Protein backbone atom coordinates (compact mmCIF):
# COMPACT_ATOMS: atom_id res chain seq x y z
CA UNK A 1 33.61 27.59 40.60
CA UNK A 2 34.12 25.34 37.60
CA UNK A 3 31.41 23.02 36.29
CA UNK A 4 32.59 19.75 34.82
CA UNK A 5 30.34 17.81 32.49
CA UNK A 6 31.04 14.14 32.37
CA UNK A 7 29.71 12.05 29.56
CA UNK A 8 29.38 8.37 29.95
CA UNK A 9 31.39 6.45 27.41
CA UNK A 10 29.36 4.59 24.81
CA UNK A 11 30.27 0.96 24.53
CA UNK A 12 30.56 -0.89 21.25
CA UNK A 13 27.63 -3.15 22.14
CA UNK A 14 25.34 -0.12 22.53
CA UNK A 15 26.38 1.14 19.09
CA UNK A 16 25.68 -2.26 17.51
CA UNK A 17 22.35 -2.50 19.31
CA UNK A 18 21.29 0.92 18.01
CA UNK A 19 22.21 0.06 14.43
CA UNK A 20 20.40 -3.29 14.72
CA UNK A 21 17.26 -1.46 15.86
CA UNK A 22 17.50 0.90 12.87
CA UNK A 23 17.78 -2.07 10.52
CA UNK A 24 14.79 -3.77 12.16
CA UNK A 25 12.68 -0.62 11.79
CA UNK A 26 13.70 -0.36 8.14
CA UNK A 27 12.84 -4.01 7.44
CA UNK A 28 9.51 -3.67 9.23
CA UNK A 29 8.59 -0.64 7.12
CA UNK A 30 9.50 -2.49 3.90
CA UNK A 31 7.34 -5.44 4.99
CA UNK A 32 4.44 -3.12 5.78
CA UNK A 33 4.66 -1.44 2.37
CA UNK A 34 4.80 -4.83 0.66
CA UNK A 35 1.71 -6.07 2.50
CA UNK A 36 -0.22 -2.89 1.72
CA UNK A 37 0.47 -3.24 -1.99
CA UNK A 38 -0.91 -6.78 -2.07
CA UNK A 39 -4.41 -5.35 -1.77
CA UNK A 40 -3.89 -3.68 -5.15
CA UNK A 41 -3.58 -7.02 -6.92
CA UNK A 42 -7.17 -8.06 -6.26
CA UNK A 43 -9.46 -8.47 -9.26
CA UNK A 44 -12.00 -5.93 -8.03
CA UNK A 45 -13.17 -3.53 -10.71
CA UNK A 46 -14.26 -0.30 -9.03
CA UNK A 47 -13.00 2.57 -11.23
CA UNK A 48 -13.00 3.42 -14.95
CA UNK A 49 -9.30 2.65 -15.44
CA UNK A 50 -9.53 -0.89 -14.05
CA UNK A 51 -12.75 -1.39 -16.02
CA UNK A 52 -11.07 -0.50 -19.32
CA UNK A 53 -7.99 -2.56 -18.44
CA UNK A 54 -10.27 -5.55 -17.85
CA UNK A 55 -11.74 -5.13 -21.33
CA UNK A 56 -15.02 -3.62 -20.12
CA UNK A 57 -16.89 -0.41 -20.68
CA UNK A 58 -18.61 1.94 -18.25
CA UNK A 59 -22.34 2.15 -18.97
CA UNK A 60 -25.54 2.86 -17.11
CA UNK A 61 -26.99 -0.58 -17.87
CA UNK A 62 -25.38 -3.75 -19.21
CA UNK A 63 -26.74 -5.09 -22.49
CA UNK A 64 -28.37 -8.51 -22.89
CA UNK A 65 -25.14 -10.21 -23.99
CA UNK A 66 -22.93 -8.34 -21.53
CA UNK A 67 -21.89 -9.33 -18.04
CA UNK A 68 -21.58 -6.93 -15.10
CA UNK A 69 -17.97 -7.25 -13.86
CA UNK A 70 -17.90 -4.33 -11.42
CA UNK A 71 -18.61 -0.66 -10.95
CA UNK A 72 -17.00 2.44 -12.39
CA UNK A 73 -16.92 4.39 -9.15
CA UNK A 74 -19.74 6.75 -10.11
CA UNK A 75 -23.34 6.42 -8.93
CA UNK A 76 -25.44 4.16 -11.17
CA UNK A 77 -22.59 3.19 -13.52
CA UNK A 78 -21.57 -0.38 -14.15
CA UNK A 79 -18.58 -1.98 -15.80
CA UNK A 80 -19.87 -4.35 -18.48
CA UNK A 81 -17.93 -6.86 -20.52
């Protein structure tokens, strides 16, 4: 007794549809990555690196002529400029 496997032929439209879906998934992932990186361009100072890049210094208390521009990410530390 012989078993015959028949495979359905794949049409050209199915191939184009599959490649279009792959392209859409790729474009959606690029858009998602782009939107996630926009949050990094905010002016929030919340770590020592962004404090120093903003021209500030991490201290426990800002001086009389200094302005508090954020935090340094550690408890009780402020970024003063």
